[in-house]
Structures are given as structure tokens and as C-alpha cells.
Amino acid sequence: MHQLGEIEKATLLKTYVRKFSPETLSYGTVRDYCDSCDYLPWLSNAQRDLKDQQRPWTVKAALGLLSLPSRLLEIGGGEPLVASLLAGLGYQVTVIDPYDGSGGGPTCFEQFVQRYPDVRIIRDSFRMGLPQLRGEMFDGIFSISVLEHVAEPALRTLFEAISAHLRPSAWSFHCVDCVLEGEGAQFHREQCARIVAYQHDIAGEQPRSREDLAKVLQMAKDDIDTCYLSAAGHNLWRGGLAYDEFPFRKVISLQFAVQTGAE
């Protein structure tokens, strides 16, 4: 847990507020990761996998897209490192997570509530009709390495809930681990195409999911600056499995950001 000092806070606000402009669909780069190491080193060295690129990107995206003190909701936040940092910057942040260990996530709900008093933490799965969120609307809803784990039809219902809780002119922005080559690549390509389509629905745009995704994935393959999951990150993901059971695969971060229409 990192407590923001006043100089750090002022630097982040000066550097990223209305100056960081996420694209509708993009991929993580080494340039962006190095920028995060310069300005958000405690987040860019916390995990040893793609979250070290994704968490800082999410903070920068929020600062670039949403004025203070906007209301934000994080889906599946686990330990709320990003949520707490955003709260320290002046946002009103809610995290919703079942904290049941699913997807390798944490279970220590009570400890997080005590450790992060500046964040409202709800122990539940995000869905339509959630009593704790009845009537609540947000200026931004985001997730970090969550959506790739949500199979259909749950993914569709999750995006329906996102749409239901976003105000007009609000933002839906997410980071997703995407296997570019190796085991799971076909599933990830299809899953990311679904996410692109649901994001277009939120923005009220015509779906172009497969065309948009194919273009960005090819750009990532051709770009020397693409940020990949490292060998250390792969070893972390491997856990107790033998390497032959969990061989290396090329994994990148895909980043999504769309705005709802105005009333």
C-alpha cells in the first residue's frame, strides 16, 4: 500500500489530467510501461506480470478521461491498489469483487476493508440488480485483467450491468490479458472480439469487432515496442504446474476505452 505524498499527487495531476488520451482499442507498449516506471514506480513493480503495465495505464486513463471528483467503479479489483491510488487523487471509488478465490483472486476481504478505508469495497459479483448498487450511477467503470476470464453468457450480462450503471458521457475502460500466440490464442482472439463488440454497444456505434481487433493485433505483432508478458511473469502464472503443462505463450495487454452517449 502506497500513500501518495503531496508532491507525487501534484506531479500526477499535472502530468496526466486531460493529457492522457486512451484510444478506443490499443495494446500495451514498452514506452507506456517506462513512463509508468518514471511516474508510478510503486504500481509498475508490484506484480511481475502484465498488471505492472495495466494498473498504471488505468490510473493514467482515469486522469485523462475523468475530472475530479468523479465516481468510479472497479470490477473484480482484488487488492484495491489502483482504487486506493485513485481515491487518494480525489476520486470517489467503489470496488466490487466476490473475494472467493475465483480466477486465482484473493479471499482476504476483511483485511482489505481495514487496510483501504478510503475505498468502498463490496463483496459480491457485479451483475444487474445488485442491491448494494441499486440506483447508483458512475462516471467511469473499469477492470484490470478480469474480462478475459468471464465466459459467455456471463460476459454479456456483465456488460449489460456496466451499461445500466454508467451515466451519460461516462467511460467504460478495461485492460485484458490477450494471448497473441500459443495455447489459448484462439479463445482470447474470440473473447477480445466480443469485448470490442460490447464496448461498441456502450458507445452506440456499429460493431466492427473483428476488423478492429485484427488490425490492432497485427500492429502489436509488427511493433518492436509491444509490451509482452516476461519469462518471470510466465513463471508466476505457471504456479505449481510443470512447464510442459503450462508452456510459454506470447501475451499482451489489450486496452479498451469508450464513452457513452450524451442524453
Foldseek 3Di string as FASTA:
>chain_A
DDQDDPVLLVVLLVPQALNDDDDQKAWFFLVQLVVCCVRPVCQLPPALWQSSNVLSVVLSNCRNQDDPQFEEEEAACQQVPSQLVNLSSHYAYEYEHQLPCPPNGHNPPVVSCVVRVSYHYHNDHQFPPDPVCVPAAGQEYEYEADQLPQDPPRSVRNLVSVLVRYAAFGKYKYKHKAFLWDPPNVSRLVSQLVVQQSLCVQAVHDRPRNVVSVVNSVVLVPDPGFDWTDPSNQVVVCPPPDCVVPPDTTIIMMMRMHTGHHD
